[in-house]
């Protein structure tokens, strides 16, 4: 099956465990926003494309300051 893609691919990182499990990740900068009249900041979640859903790609939110990574869906 051929699925035309733009110049930007659906996967940034491929990880393979010693047990031969394959994980596909799309990396995004971890950003937060505060809604009006609220005091707490919330993560801005990105929507996976249809091809990313078919490939079971996880979004890896990378905090550049703390170097923490948050995976969605979780591992």
N, C-alpha and C. Protein backbone atom coordinates (compact mmCIF):
# COMPACT_ATOMS: atom_id res chain seq x y z
N UNK A 1 0.85 -1.17 0.00
CA UNK A 1 0.00 0.00 0.00
C UNK A 1 0.89 1.23 0.00
N UNK A 2 0.67 2.15 -0.92
CA UNK A 2 1.44 3.39 -0.99
C UNK A 2 0.61 4.51 -0.41
N UNK A 3 1.19 5.21 0.56
CA UNK A 3 0.52 6.36 1.16
C UNK A 3 1.40 7.57 0.90
N UNK A 4 0.93 8.52 0.11
CA UNK A 4 1.75 9.70 -0.18
C UNK A 4 1.94 10.54 1.08
N UNK A 5 3.15 10.98 1.31
CA UNK A 5 3.48 11.78 2.49
C UNK A 5 4.07 13.11 2.04
N UNK A 6 3.99 14.08 2.88
CA UNK A 6 4.66 15.34 2.59
C UNK A 6 6.15 15.17 2.83
N UNK A 7 6.89 16.25 2.70
CA UNK A 7 8.34 16.15 2.90
C UNK A 7 8.69 15.88 4.35
N UNK A 8 7.74 16.03 5.24
CA UNK A 8 7.97 15.75 6.65
C UNK A 8 7.39 14.37 6.96
N UNK A 9 8.24 13.49 7.46
CA UNK A 9 7.82 12.12 7.72
C UNK A 9 7.04 11.98 9.01
N UNK A 10 6.35 10.86 9.18
CA UNK A 10 5.55 10.62 10.37
C UNK A 10 6.36 10.15 11.57
N UNK A 11 7.63 9.77 11.36
CA UNK A 11 8.46 9.22 12.44
C UNK A 11 9.79 9.95 12.49
N UNK A 12 10.21 10.33 13.71
CA UNK A 12 11.50 10.97 13.91
C UNK A 12 12.54 10.00 14.46
N UNK A 13 12.11 9.09 15.35
CA UNK A 13 13.04 8.20 16.03
C UNK A 13 12.47 6.78 16.02
N UNK A 14 13.33 5.80 15.74
CA UNK A 14 12.96 4.39 15.81
C UNK A 14 13.82 3.76 16.92
N UNK A 15 13.18 3.11 17.88
CA UNK A 15 13.89 2.44 18.98
C UNK A 15 13.58 0.95 18.93
N UNK A 16 14.62 0.14 19.10
CA UNK A 16 14.46 -1.32 19.09
C UNK A 16 15.04 -1.86 20.40
N UNK A 17 14.23 -2.63 21.13
CA UNK A 17 14.67 -3.20 22.40
C UNK A 17 15.46 -4.48 22.15
N UNK A 18 16.18 -4.97 23.15
CA UNK A 18 16.90 -6.24 23.00
C UNK A 18 15.96 -7.42 22.67
N UNK A 19 14.68 -7.30 23.03
CA UNK A 19 13.70 -8.34 22.73
C UNK A 19 13.10 -8.17 21.35
N UNK A 20 13.65 -7.26 20.54
CA UNK A 20 13.22 -6.98 19.16
C UNK A 20 11.86 -6.29 19.08
N UNK A 21 11.47 -5.58 20.14
CA UNK A 21 10.27 -4.74 20.08
C UNK A 21 10.66 -3.45 19.39
N UNK A 22 9.80 -2.96 18.51
CA UNK A 22 10.07 -1.73 17.77
C UNK A 22 9.11 -0.65 18.25
N UNK A 23 9.66 0.51 18.58
CA UNK A 23 8.88 1.67 18.98
C UNK A 23 9.17 2.81 18.02
N UNK A 24 8.11 3.49 17.56
CA UNK A 24 8.25 4.62 16.66
C UNK A 24 7.82 5.89 17.39
N UNK A 25 8.63 6.94 17.28
CA UNK A 25 8.37 8.18 18.00
C UNK A 25 8.40 9.37 17.05
N UNK A 26 7.54 10.33 17.32
CA UNK A 26 7.58 11.64 16.68
C UNK A 26 7.90 12.62 17.81
N UNK A 27 9.01 13.32 17.72
CA UNK A 27 9.43 14.20 18.82
C UNK A 27 8.86 15.59 18.64
N UNK A 28 8.42 16.16 19.75
CA UNK A 28 7.86 17.51 19.78
C UNK A 28 8.42 18.24 20.99
N UNK A 29 8.58 19.54 20.86
CA UNK A 29 9.00 20.36 22.00
C UNK A 29 7.84 20.41 22.99
N UNK A 30 8.14 20.25 24.26
CA UNK A 30 7.12 20.26 25.32
C UNK A 30 6.74 21.70 25.60
N UNK A 31 5.51 22.06 25.31
CA UNK A 31 5.01 23.42 25.51
C UNK A 31 3.80 23.39 26.43
N UNK A 32 3.64 24.47 27.19
CA UNK A 32 2.53 24.59 28.13
C UNK A 32 1.79 25.90 27.89
N UNK A 33 0.52 25.91 28.25
CA UNK A 33 -0.27 27.14 28.17
C UNK A 33 -1.14 27.23 29.41
N UNK A 34 -1.43 28.46 29.77
CA UNK A 34 -2.33 28.72 30.89
C UNK A 34 -3.62 29.28 30.32
N UNK A 35 -4.72 28.62 30.59
CA UNK A 35 -6.01 29.09 30.11
C UNK A 35 -6.42 30.34 30.89
N UNK A 36 -7.20 31.22 30.26
CA UNK A 36 -7.64 32.43 30.98
C UNK A 36 -8.37 32.08 32.27
N UNK A 37 -8.16 32.88 33.28
CA UNK A 37 -8.78 32.72 34.60
C UNK A 37 -8.35 31.45 35.31
N UNK A 38 -7.23 30.87 34.93
CA UNK A 38 -6.69 29.67 35.58
C UNK A 38 -5.29 29.98 36.08
N UNK A 39 -4.82 29.21 37.05
CA UNK A 39 -3.49 29.41 37.60
C UNK A 39 -2.51 28.32 37.18
N UNK A 40 -3.02 27.20 36.67
CA UNK A 40 -2.19 26.05 36.38
C UNK A 40 -1.91 25.96 34.88
N UNK A 41 -0.65 25.67 34.54
CA UNK A 41 -0.28 25.47 33.15
C UNK A 41 -0.55 24.02 32.75
N UNK A 42 -0.99 23.81 31.50
CA UNK A 42 -1.28 22.48 30.99
C UNK A 42 -0.48 22.24 29.72
N UNK A 43 -0.08 20.99 29.51
CA UNK A 43 0.68 20.61 28.32
C UNK A 43 -0.19 20.79 27.07
N UNK A 44 0.42 21.28 26.00
CA UNK A 44 -0.26 21.38 24.71
C UNK A 44 -0.02 20.06 23.99
N UNK A 45 -1.08 19.29 23.81
CA UNK A 45 -0.98 17.99 23.15
C UNK A 45 -1.19 18.16 21.65
N UNK A 46 -0.41 17.46 20.85
CA UNK A 46 -0.52 17.48 19.40
C UNK A 46 -1.35 16.27 18.95
N UNK A 47 -2.03 16.42 17.84
CA UNK A 47 -2.85 15.35 17.30
C UNK A 47 -2.02 14.53 16.32
N UNK A 48 -2.08 13.20 16.47
CA UNK A 48 -1.37 12.33 15.52
C UNK A 48 -2.11 12.29 14.20
N UNK A 49 -1.35 12.21 13.11
CA UNK A 49 -1.97 12.09 11.78
C UNK A 49 -2.52 10.67 11.61
N UNK A 50 -3.29 10.47 10.55
CA UNK A 50 -3.86 9.15 10.29
C UNK A 50 -2.77 8.10 10.09
N UNK A 51 -1.72 8.45 9.36
CA UNK A 51 -0.63 7.50 9.12
C UNK A 51 0.10 7.18 10.43
N UNK A 52 0.25 8.16 11.32
CA UNK A 52 0.89 7.91 12.61
C UNK A 52 0.04 6.96 13.45
N UNK A 53 -1.26 7.09 13.38
CA UNK A 53 -2.14 6.19 14.12
C UNK A 53 -2.03 4.77 13.57
N UNK A 54 -1.97 4.63 12.25
CA UNK A 54 -1.86 3.31 11.63
C UNK A 54 -0.54 2.64 11.99
N UNK A 55 0.52 3.44 12.08
CA UNK A 55 1.85 2.90 12.41
C UNK A 55 2.09 2.77 13.91
N UNK A 56 1.13 3.21 14.73
CA UNK A 56 1.25 3.19 16.18
C UNK A 56 2.44 4.04 16.66
N UNK A 57 2.55 5.23 16.09
CA UNK A 57 3.61 6.16 16.47
C UNK A 57 3.23 6.84 17.78
N UNK A 58 4.20 6.95 18.68
CA UNK A 58 3.99 7.65 19.94
C UNK A 58 4.60 9.05 19.82
N UNK A 59 3.97 10.02 20.48
CA UNK A 59 4.52 11.38 20.51
C UNK A 59 5.43 11.47 21.73
N UNK A 60 6.67 11.93 21.51
CA UNK A 60 7.63 12.11 22.60
C UNK A 60 7.79 13.62 22.82
N UNK A 61 7.21 14.11 23.91
CA UNK A 61 7.32 15.53 24.26
C UNK A 61 8.62 15.72 25.04
N UNK A 62 9.52 16.53 24.50
CA UNK A 62 10.85 16.72 25.09
C UNK A 62 10.93 18.11 25.71
N UNK A 63 11.19 18.15 27.02
CA UNK A 63 11.40 19.42 27.71
C UNK A 63 12.88 19.77 27.57
N UNK A 64 13.16 20.84 26.84
CA UNK A 64 14.54 21.22 26.55
C UNK A 64 15.30 21.69 27.78
N UNK A 65 14.61 22.22 28.77
CA UNK A 65 15.27 22.74 29.97
C UNK A 65 15.62 21.63 30.96
N UNK A 66 14.67 20.74 31.23
CA UNK A 66 14.89 19.70 32.23
C UNK A 66 15.34 18.38 31.61
N UNK A 67 15.25 18.27 30.28
CA UNK A 67 15.60 17.05 29.55
C UNK A 67 14.69 15.88 29.89
N UNK A 68 13.50 16.16 30.36
CA UNK A 68 12.52 15.12 30.62
C UNK A 68 11.75 14.82 29.34
N UNK A 69 11.30 13.57 29.21
CA UNK A 69 10.53 13.16 28.05
C UNK A 69 9.22 12.55 28.53
N UNK A 70 8.13 13.00 27.93
CA UNK A 70 6.79 12.49 28.25
C UNK A 70 6.25 11.82 26.99
N UNK A 71 5.84 10.54 27.09
CA UNK A 71 5.38 9.77 25.94
C UNK A 71 3.86 9.67 25.93
N UNK A 72 3.26 9.86 24.74
CA UNK A 72 1.81 9.70 24.58
C UNK A 72 1.59 8.88 23.32
N UNK A 73 0.88 7.74 23.37
CA UNK A 73 0.48 7.03 24.58
C UNK A 73 1.69 6.53 25.36
N UNK A 74 1.51 6.35 26.65
CA UNK A 74 2.63 5.98 27.52
C UNK A 74 3.19 4.61 27.14
N UNK A 75 4.41 4.37 27.58
CA UNK A 75 5.07 3.09 27.27
C UNK A 75 4.61 1.99 28.20
